[in-house]
Amino acid sequence: MGQFSSERGLLEIIDRAQLILTSWQAFVEEHPETQLHPALVSISDEVTDLMAAFYLEASEMALDQAPVSGLATDVKMVKKNQMM
């Protein structure tokens, strides 16, 4: 697959990833039956971590494509300062 062609496409991916991640957490990860089985909890935690990593990576990519001025730039600068 090629790179995303626009910031808009990344924002759509971020929105969908957030929707799926919160749905996963609400309907599967936090389900009482899942919580009764340590093996399922462990796998569910891994799935959540991978989905969160995808969300964060897409967010970073969107910030990198953001316009030079405005809120996104301010957020990018804060993130860079936190990493140092």
C-alpha atoms as a PDB file:
ATOM      1  CA  MET A   1       0.000   0.000   0.000  1.00  0.00           C
ATOM      2  CA  GLY A   2       1.186   3.509  -0.767  1.00  0.00           C
ATOM      3  CA  GLN A   3       1.440   6.496   1.503  1.00  0.00           C
ATOM      4  CA  PHE A   4      -1.652   8.508   2.355  1.00  0.00           C
ATOM      5  CA  SER A   5      -2.150  11.228  -0.201  1.00  0.00           C
ATOM      6  CA  SER A   6      -3.606  13.833   2.117  1.00  0.00           C
ATOM      7  CA  GLU A   7      -3.940  15.058   5.647  1.00  0.00           C
ATOM      8  CA  ARG A   8      -7.711  14.566   5.278  1.00  0.00           C
ATOM      9  CA  GLY A   9      -7.210  10.854   4.639  1.00  0.00           C
ATOM     10  CA  LEU A  10      -5.114  10.532   7.775  1.00  0.00           C
ATOM     11  CA  LEU A  11      -7.711  12.369   9.829  1.00  0.00           C
ATOM     12  CA  GLU A  12     -10.332   9.913   8.581  1.00  0.00           C
ATOM     13  CA  ILE A  13      -8.123   6.976   9.552  1.00  0.00           C
ATOM     14  CA  ILE A  14      -7.512   8.484  12.999  1.00  0.00           C
ATOM     15  CA  ASP A  15     -11.254   8.970  13.510  1.00  0.00           C
ATOM     16  CA  ARG A  16     -12.033   5.390  12.483  1.00  0.00           C
ATOM     17  CA  ALA A  17      -9.224   3.978  14.617  1.00  0.00           C
ATOM     18  CA  GLN A  18     -10.496   5.869  17.655  1.00  0.00           C
ATOM     19  CA  LEU A  19     -14.032   4.617  17.031  1.00  0.00           C
ATOM     20  CA  ILE A  20     -12.918   1.001  16.738  1.00  0.00           C
ATOM     21  CA  LEU A  21     -10.575   1.230  19.727  1.00  0.00           C
ATOM     22  CA  THR A  22     -13.248   2.653  22.037  1.00  0.00           C
ATOM     23  CA  SER A  23     -15.779   0.102  20.754  1.00  0.00           C
ATOM     24  CA  TRP A  24     -13.308  -2.725  21.360  1.00  0.00           C
ATOM     25  CA  GLN A  25     -12.671  -1.527  24.886  1.00  0.00           C
ATOM     26  CA  ALA A  26     -16.350  -1.011  25.724  1.00  0.00           C
ATOM     27  CA  PHE A  27     -17.786  -4.150  24.142  1.00  0.00           C
ATOM     28  CA  VAL A  28     -15.013  -6.743  24.319  1.00  0.00           C
ATOM     29  CA  GLU A  29     -12.182  -5.778  26.662  1.00  0.00           C
ATOM     30  CA  GLU A  30     -14.456  -4.612  29.485  1.00  0.00           C
ATOM     31  CA  HIS A  31     -17.061  -7.339  28.967  1.00  0.00           C
ATOM     32  CA  PRO A  32     -17.604  -9.297  32.197  1.00  0.00           C
ATOM     33  CA  GLU A  33     -16.971 -12.618  30.455  1.00  0.00           C
ATOM     34  CA  THR A  34     -13.635 -11.410  29.086  1.00  0.00           C
ATOM     35  CA  GLN A  35     -12.669 -10.266  32.560  1.00  0.00           C
ATOM     36  CA  LEU A  36     -13.328 -13.756  33.967  1.00  0.00           C
ATOM     37  CA  HIS A  37     -10.635 -15.338  31.776  1.00  0.00           C
ATOM     38  CA  PRO A  38      -7.021 -14.246  32.320  1.00  0.00           C
ATOM     39  CA  ALA A  39      -5.962 -15.559  28.894  1.00  0.00           C
ATOM     40  CA  LEU A  40      -8.602 -13.423  27.183  1.00  0.00           C
ATOM     41  CA  VAL A  41      -7.646 -10.390  29.257  1.00  0.00           C
ATOM     42  CA  SER A  42      -4.025 -10.838  28.222  1.00  0.00           C
ATOM     43  CA  ILE A  43      -4.841 -11.114  24.513  1.00  0.00           C
ATOM     44  CA  SER A  44      -7.307  -8.237  24.761  1.00  0.00           C
ATOM     45  CA  ASP A  45      -4.610  -6.059  26.313  1.00  0.00           C
ATOM     46  CA  GLU A  46      -2.297  -6.867  23.405  1.00  0.00           C
ATOM     47  CA  VAL A  47      -5.011  -5.996  20.870  1.00  0.00           C
ATOM     48  CA  THR A  48      -5.692  -2.708  22.671  1.00  0.00           C
ATOM     49  CA  ASP A  49      -1.981  -1.862  22.733  1.00  0.00           C
ATOM     50  CA  LEU A  50      -1.627  -2.540  19.000  1.00  0.00           C
ATOM     51  CA  MET A  51      -4.703  -0.481  18.133  1.00  0.00           C
ATOM     52  CA  ALA A  52      -3.468   2.368  20.325  1.00  0.00           C
ATOM     53  CA  ALA A  53      -0.042   2.198  18.646  1.00  0.00           C
ATOM     54  CA  PHE A  54      -1.719   2.435  15.231  1.00  0.00           C
ATOM     55  CA  TYR A  55      -3.780   5.418  16.378  1.00  0.00           C
ATOM     56  CA  LEU A  56      -0.728   7.208  17.758  1.00  0.00           C
ATOM     57  CA  GLU A  57       1.365   6.529  14.649  1.00  0.00           C
ATOM     58  CA  ALA A  58      -1.386   7.862  12.364  1.00  0.00           C
ATOM     59  CA  SER A  59      -1.692  10.911  14.615  1.00  0.00           C
ATOM     60  CA  GLU A  60       2.050  11.556  14.365  1.00  0.00           C
ATOM     61  CA  MET A  61       1.864  11.279  10.593  1.00  0.00           C
ATOM     62  CA  ALA A  62      -1.034  13.757  10.502  1.00  0.00           C
ATOM     63  CA  LEU A  63       0.907  16.208  12.657  1.00  0.00           C
ATOM     64  CA  ASP A  64       3.865  15.927  10.314  1.00  0.00           C
ATOM     65  CA  GLN A  65       1.591  16.840   7.380  1.00  0.00           C
ATOM     66  CA  ALA A  66      -0.156  19.695   9.208  1.00  0.00           C
ATOM     67  CA  PRO A  67       0.197  23.296   8.017  1.00  0.00           C
ATOM     68  CA  VAL A  68       3.171  25.272   9.314  1.00  0.00           C
ATOM     69  CA  SER A  69       1.043  27.527  11.536  1.00  0.00           C
ATOM     70  CA  GLY A  70      -1.757  26.876  13.966  1.00  0.00           C
ATOM     71  CA  LEU A  71      -2.690  24.451  16.695  1.00  0.00           C
ATOM     72  CA  ALA A  72      -1.208  21.350  15.072  1.00  0.00           C
ATOM     73  CA  THR A  73       2.213  23.022  14.910  1.00  0.00           C
ATOM     74  CA  ASP A  74       1.979  24.010  18.568  1.00  0.00           C
ATOM     75  CA  VAL A  75       1.130  20.418  19.493  1.00  0.00           C
ATOM     76  CA  LYS A  76       4.025  19.115  17.396  1.00  0.00           C
ATOM     77  CA  MET A  77       6.440  21.478  19.132  1.00  0.00           C
ATOM     78  CA  VAL A  78       5.244  20.367  22.570  1.00  0.00           C
ATOM     79  CA  LYS A  79       5.640  16.698  21.611  1.00  0.00           C
ATOM     80  CA  LYS A  80       9.181  17.305  20.345  1.00  0.00           C
ATOM     81  CA  ASN A  81      10.088  19.106  23.584  1.00  0.00           C
ATOM     82  CA  GLN A  82       8.696  16.217  25.646  1.00  0.00           C
ATOM     83  CA  MET A  83      10.809  13.709  23.739  1.00  0.00           C
ATOM     84  CA  MET A  84      14.048  15.584  24.418  1.00  0.00           C
END
